[in-house]
Protein backbone atom coordinates (compact mmCIF):
# COMPACT_ATOMS: atom_id res chain seq x y z
CA UNK A 1 87.45 215.24 -1.94
CA UNK A 2 83.93 215.37 -0.60
CA UNK A 3 82.67 212.28 -2.41
CA UNK A 4 82.90 208.47 -2.50
CA UNK A 5 85.42 206.47 -4.52
CA UNK A 6 85.01 202.91 -5.82
CA UNK A 7 87.55 200.68 -7.53
CA UNK A 8 86.74 197.60 -9.62
CA UNK A 9 89.60 195.49 -10.98
CA UNK A 10 90.63 191.85 -11.38
CA UNK A 11 93.94 192.84 -9.76
CA UNK A 12 93.72 192.91 -5.96
CA UNK A 13 96.47 195.53 -5.69
CA UNK A 14 94.49 198.10 -7.70
CA UNK A 15 92.30 199.46 -4.92
CA UNK A 16 95.18 200.17 -2.53
CA UNK A 17 97.17 201.89 -5.28
CA UNK A 18 94.21 204.11 -6.20
CA UNK A 19 93.28 205.02 -2.63
CA UNK A 20 96.88 205.81 -1.69
CA UNK A 21 97.16 208.25 -4.58
CA UNK A 22 93.76 209.83 -3.97
CA UNK A 23 94.53 210.27 -0.27
CA UNK A 24 97.82 211.95 -1.17
CA UNK A 25 96.04 214.43 -3.43
CA UNK A 26 93.24 214.98 -0.92
CA UNK A 27 95.88 216.38 1.44
CA UNK A 28 96.68 218.98 -1.21
CA UNK A 29 93.56 219.80 -3.18
CA UNK A 30 90.40 219.24 -1.14
CA UNK A 31 88.57 222.20 0.33
CA UNK A 32 86.89 219.72 2.70
CA UNK A 33 90.25 219.01 4.32
CA UNK A 34 91.18 221.98 6.59
CA UNK A 35 94.86 221.00 6.43
CA UNK A 36 95.05 220.83 2.63
CA UNK A 37 97.10 223.33 0.66
CA UNK A 38 93.93 224.76 -0.87
CA UNK A 39 92.35 225.33 2.55
CA UNK A 40 95.52 226.99 3.87
CA UNK A 41 95.79 229.15 0.74
CA UNK A 42 92.17 230.24 1.13
CA UNK A 43 92.87 231.31 4.71
CA UNK A 44 96.18 233.06 4.07
CA UNK A 45 95.87 234.39 0.51
CA UNK A 46 99.45 233.42 -0.32
CA UNK A 47 101.25 230.09 -0.22
CA UNK A 48 104.15 228.20 -1.75
CA UNK A 49 102.47 225.04 -2.95
CA UNK A 50 103.37 221.59 -4.24
CA UNK A 51 103.92 220.90 -7.93
CA UNK A 52 100.51 219.14 -8.12
CA UNK A 53 98.61 222.09 -6.69
CA UNK A 54 100.48 224.63 -8.79
CA UNK A 55 99.89 222.61 -11.97
CA UNK A 56 96.18 222.28 -11.32
CA UNK A 57 95.69 225.97 -10.57
CA UNK A 58 97.63 226.80 -13.73
CA UNK A 59 95.46 224.43 -15.80
CA UNK A 60 92.36 225.98 -14.23
CA UNK A 61 93.46 229.41 -15.39
CA UNK A 62 93.93 227.99 -18.90
CA UNK A 63 90.35 226.70 -18.89
CA UNK A 64 89.23 230.11 -17.61
CA UNK A 65 90.83 231.68 -20.70
CA UNK A 66 89.50 229.07 -23.14
CA UNK A 67 85.97 229.41 -21.76
CA UNK A 68 86.01 233.21 -21.68
CA UNK A 69 85.65 233.13 -17.91
CA UNK A 70 82.88 230.53 -17.63
CA UNK A 71 85.17 228.06 -15.85
CA UNK A 72 86.48 229.88 -12.80
CA UNK A 73 87.88 228.29 -9.63
CA UNK A 74 87.63 231.64 -7.81
CA UNK A 75 83.84 231.17 -7.70
CA UNK A 76 84.32 229.59 -4.25
CA UNK A 77 83.12 232.69 -2.38
CA UNK A 78 79.86 232.65 -4.33
CA UNK A 79 79.36 228.94 -3.61
CA UNK A 80 79.79 229.77 0.09
CA UNK A 81 77.39 232.71 -0.18
CA UNK A 82 74.61 230.52 -1.59
CA UNK A 83 75.18 228.03 1.24
CA UNK A 84 76.22 225.07 -0.88
CA UNK A 85 79.50 224.57 1.01
CA UNK A 86 77.92 224.11 4.44
CA UNK A 87 74.57 222.74 3.17
CA UNK A 88 72.72 225.80 4.54
CA UNK A 89 71.32 226.94 1.21
CA UNK A 90 69.66 230.33 0.82
CA UNK A 91 69.02 233.01 -1.80
CA UNK A 92 71.39 235.93 -1.15
CA UNK A 93 70.44 239.55 -1.76
CA UNK A 94 71.52 241.28 -4.96
CA UNK A 95 73.84 243.47 -2.89
CA UNK A 96 75.52 240.44 -1.30
CA UNK A 97 76.04 238.90 -4.74
CA UNK A 98 77.51 242.09 -6.19
CA UNK A 99 79.93 242.47 -3.28
CA UNK A 100 81.03 238.85 -3.58
CA UNK A 101 81.46 239.11 -7.37
CA UNK A 102 84.28 241.57 -6.71
CA UNK A 103 86.28 238.62 -5.33
CA UNK A 104 85.74 236.47 -8.42
CA UNK A 105 88.07 236.27 -11.43
CA UNK A 106 90.97 233.95 -12.15
CA UNK A 107 92.92 236.93 -13.44
CA UNK A 108 93.22 237.88 -9.76
CA UNK A 109 95.21 234.68 -9.06
CA UNK A 110 98.97 235.35 -9.33
CA UNK A 111 101.25 232.43 -10.17
CA UNK A 112 105.03 232.58 -9.74
CA UNK A 113 106.57 229.79 -11.80
CA UNK A 114 110.06 230.08 -10.31
CA UNK A 115 109.04 229.16 -6.76
CA UNK A 116 105.49 227.70 -7.09
CA UNK A 117 104.01 230.60 -5.15
CA UNK A 118 100.29 231.30 -5.47
CA UNK A 119 98.86 234.63 -4.33
CA UNK A 120 95.45 236.28 -4.45
CA UNK A 121 95.25 239.93 -5.45
CA UNK A 122 92.36 240.65 -3.08
CA UNK A 123 91.89 239.67 0.57
CA UNK A 124 88.92 237.37 1.06
CA UNK A 125 89.36 235.54 -2.24
CA UNK A 126 88.98 231.77 -2.26
CA UNK A 127 89.37 229.01 -4.82
CA UNK A 128 87.58 225.69 -5.19
CA UNK A 129 89.08 222.95 -7.37
CA UNK A 130 85.95 220.81 -7.15
CA UNK A 131 85.30 221.06 -10.89
CA UNK A 132 88.73 219.77 -11.90
CA UNK A 133 90.48 218.02 -8.98
CA UNK A 134 88.61 214.70 -9.24
CA UNK A 135 89.52 214.39 -12.89
CA UNK A 136 93.16 215.12 -12.15
CA UNK A 137 93.16 212.62 -9.29
CA UNK A 138 91.75 209.97 -11.64
CA UNK A 139 94.54 210.65 -14.14
CA UNK A 140 97.18 210.39 -11.40
CA UNK A 141 95.68 207.16 -10.06
CA UNK A 142 95.60 205.62 -13.53
CA UNK A 143 99.26 206.58 -14.02
CA UNK A 144 100.14 204.74 -10.80
CA UNK A 145 98.17 201.69 -11.95
CA UNK A 146 100.03 201.60 -15.26
CA UNK A 147 103.37 201.89 -13.45
CA UNK A 148 102.35 198.76 -11.54
CA UNK A 149 101.49 196.95 -14.80
CA UNK A 150 97.75 196.95 -14.02
CA UNK A 151 95.79 197.31 -17.26
CA UNK A 152 92.17 196.68 -16.25
CA UNK A 153 90.38 198.89 -13.74
CA UNK A 154 87.27 201.01 -13.38
CA UNK A 155 87.48 203.92 -10.92
CA UNK A 156 84.30 205.72 -9.89
CA UNK A 157 84.85 209.08 -8.19
CA UNK A 158 81.40 210.21 -7.15
CA UNK A 159 79.98 209.74 -10.64
CA UNK A 160 83.04 210.60 -12.69
CA UNK A 161 84.72 207.43 -13.88
CA UNK A 162 87.92 206.36 -15.55
CA UNK A 163 87.90 203.09 -17.47
CA UNK A 164 91.40 201.68 -17.79
CA UNK A 165 91.75 199.00 -20.43
CA UNK A 166 88.98 196.46 -20.82
CA UNK A 167 86.77 194.24 -18.65
CA UNK A 168 87.35 190.64 -19.70
CA UNK A 169 88.29 191.59 -23.28
CA UNK A 170 85.34 193.98 -23.72
CA UNK A 171 85.09 197.74 -23.14
CA UNK A 172 83.70 198.87 -19.81
CA UNK A 173 80.03 199.88 -19.87
CA UNK A 174 78.53 202.79 -17.96
CA UNK A 175 75.09 204.37 -17.99
CA UNK A 176 74.08 208.04 -18.16
CA UNK A 177 70.94 208.76 -16.18
CA UNK A 178 68.26 211.02 -17.61
CA UNK A 179 67.82 213.59 -14.77
CA UNK A 180 64.07 213.93 -15.21
CA UNK A 181 63.42 210.32 -16.25
CA UNK A 182 65.63 208.08 -14.05
CA UNK A 183 64.59 204.91 -15.82
CA UNK A 184 65.75 206.26 -19.19
CA UNK A 185 69.44 205.30 -19.43
CA UNK A 186 72.04 205.89 -22.14
CA UNK A 187 74.67 203.11 -22.09
CA UNK A 188 78.20 204.06 -23.14
CA UNK A 189 81.30 201.93 -23.70
CA UNK A 190 84.67 203.19 -22.46
CA UNK A 191 88.25 202.07 -22.91
CA UNK A 192 91.12 204.19 -21.58
CA UNK A 193 88.70 207.09 -21.22
CA UNK A 194 87.05 209.15 -18.51
CA UNK A 195 83.40 210.14 -18.29
CA UNK A 196 82.28 213.19 -16.29
CA UNK A 197 78.73 214.45 -15.81
CA UNK A 198 77.63 217.86 -14.54
CA UNK A 199 73.96 218.53 -13.87
CA UNK A 200 71.32 220.36 -11.90
CA UNK A 201 69.86 217.27 -10.22
CA UNK A 202 72.35 216.24 -7.51
CA UNK A 203 73.06 219.39 -5.50
CA UNK A 204 70.28 221.95 -5.64
CA UNK A 205 67.44 223.51 -3.70
CA UNK A 206 64.03 224.81 -4.74
CA UNK A 207 62.13 227.96 -3.79
CA UNK A 208 58.69 228.67 -5.27
CA UNK A 209 59.16 225.80 -7.74
CA UNK A 210 62.41 227.33 -9.07
CA UNK A 211 65.46 225.08 -9.01
CA UNK A 212 68.79 226.56 -7.90
CA UNK A 213 71.79 224.42 -8.90
CA UNK A 214 75.12 224.34 -7.04
CA UNK A 215 76.92 225.30 -10.27
CA UNK A 216 77.29 229.08 -10.14
CA UNK A 217 77.80 231.32 -13.16
CA UNK A 218 80.92 233.34 -12.21
CA UNK A 219 79.81 236.28 -14.34
CA UNK A 220 76.34 236.75 -12.85
CA UNK A 221 76.80 235.30 -9.37
CA UNK A 222 73.63 233.23 -9.75
CA UNK A 223 73.17 229.47 -10.26
CA UNK A 224 73.33 228.48 -13.91
CA UNK A 225 70.05 228.60 -15.84
CA UNK A 226 71.14 227.38 -19.27
CA UNK A 227 68.12 225.10 -19.95
CA UNK A 228 70.50 222.14 -19.70
CA UNK A 229 69.75 219.37 -17.21
CA UNK A 230 73.02 217.48 -17.61
CA UNK A 231 76.22 217.33 -19.64
CA UNK A 232 78.39 214.23 -19.96
CA UNK A 233 81.87 214.55 -21.43
CA UNK A 234 84.04 211.61 -22.58
CA UNK A 235 87.76 212.25 -22.93
CA UNK A 236 91.05 210.39 -22.59
CA UNK A 237 91.96 212.91 -19.90
CA UNK A 238 89.99 212.85 -16.66
CA UNK A 239 91.04 216.44 -16.04
CA UNK A 240 89.64 217.61 -19.38
CA UNK A 241 86.39 215.65 -18.94
CA UNK A 242 85.87 217.11 -15.45
CA UNK A 243 86.53 220.72 -16.40
CA UNK A 244 84.64 220.59 -19.70
CA UNK A 245 81.45 219.13 -18.25
CA UNK A 246 81.17 222.09 -15.87
CA UNK A 247 82.19 224.59 -18.55
CA UNK A 248 79.58 223.39 -21.04
CA UNK A 249 76.88 223.29 -18.39
CA UNK A 250 77.57 226.97 -17.68
CA UNK A 251 77.98 228.12 -21.28
CA UNK A 252 75.01 226.27 -22.74
CA UNK A 253 74.77 224.85 -26.24
CA UNK A 254 75.85 227.92 -28.21
CA UNK A 255 79.55 227.59 -27.34
CA UNK A 256 79.82 223.82 -27.61
CA UNK A 257 80.93 223.73 -31.24
CA UNK A 258 83.81 226.09 -30.47
CA UNK A 259 84.95 223.98 -27.53
CA UNK A 260 84.79 220.82 -29.62
CA UNK A 261 87.26 222.34 -32.05
CA UNK A 262 89.61 222.95 -29.11
CA UNK A 263 89.20 219.33 -27.96
CA UNK A 264 88.54 217.30 -31.14
CA UNK A 265 88.74 213.87 -29.45
CA UNK A 266 86.08 214.75 -26.89
CA UNK A 267 82.55 213.34 -27.02
CA UNK A 268 79.66 215.24 -25.46
CA UNK A 269 76.21 214.01 -24.45
CA UNK A 270 73.73 216.67 -23.41
CA UNK A 271 70.24 216.63 -21.92
CA UNK A 272 68.27 219.81 -22.39
CA UNK A 273 64.95 220.52 -20.69
CA UNK A 274 62.22 218.13 -21.90
CA UNK A 275 64.50 216.50 -24.46
CA UNK A 276 66.20 213.12 -24.68
CA UNK A 277 69.94 212.75 -24.20
CA UNK A 278 71.72 213.51 -27.45
CA UNK A 279 75.30 213.23 -28.64
CA UNK A 280 76.98 216.32 -30.05
CA UNK A 281 79.73 216.33 -32.63
CA UNK A 282 81.54 218.95 -34.68
């Protein structure tokens, strides 16, 4: 899925169980795998997919509705246009952005429940599950661990983690890095929860001292400029944590209260420009 995975557990079977499940899902969901269902769908525009892929695209459309279009997996063409997919970053012209925006919108993704068919309304459309697939894979891996009676494991998927159970009778501890002050860490304790962070400090490029993040606003076609450096979301669902961290980073602070009412068990830590990390509650 385009990132590293690490497994820590007192049970020696845990790592193989996790990697088997993640490899299975990589064959379906990763845009970095040319043989995955997502890659084939992006090339053909129509495909009968597995239950996992169909479920995740359906959940993505639900987040698109909840977020009023801020979370949008059809932003893939814009990510390509800005060069983040092939690491050849550039600033596109306004005309290029406007033309590409015509291919964006999860309402243009047609789902047929009866046969798990996915179809794009417009040729040239693409989807990217990068903002939700890792979280789903974590949930699936944890389910497999529980089925094997493993109750203590920490899975790190490129910065998003799931903490199953406890570490030697104490909650797992993780640290949130302050993007502009790396030595300033916020330590969190997790038990049967996932933590996902979205920020402007891992994948970006700069031109004339302006930072362009890899997270694109699907409504404007430009990288997000919400005055937020990072958002960390804690939730019992890895899928929710993954999708919400991206959504909040795009929306900014004004919509956070509304989202918290939709997900009352979620905890959010946010770092705005020149401010310390702070926890938000309803």
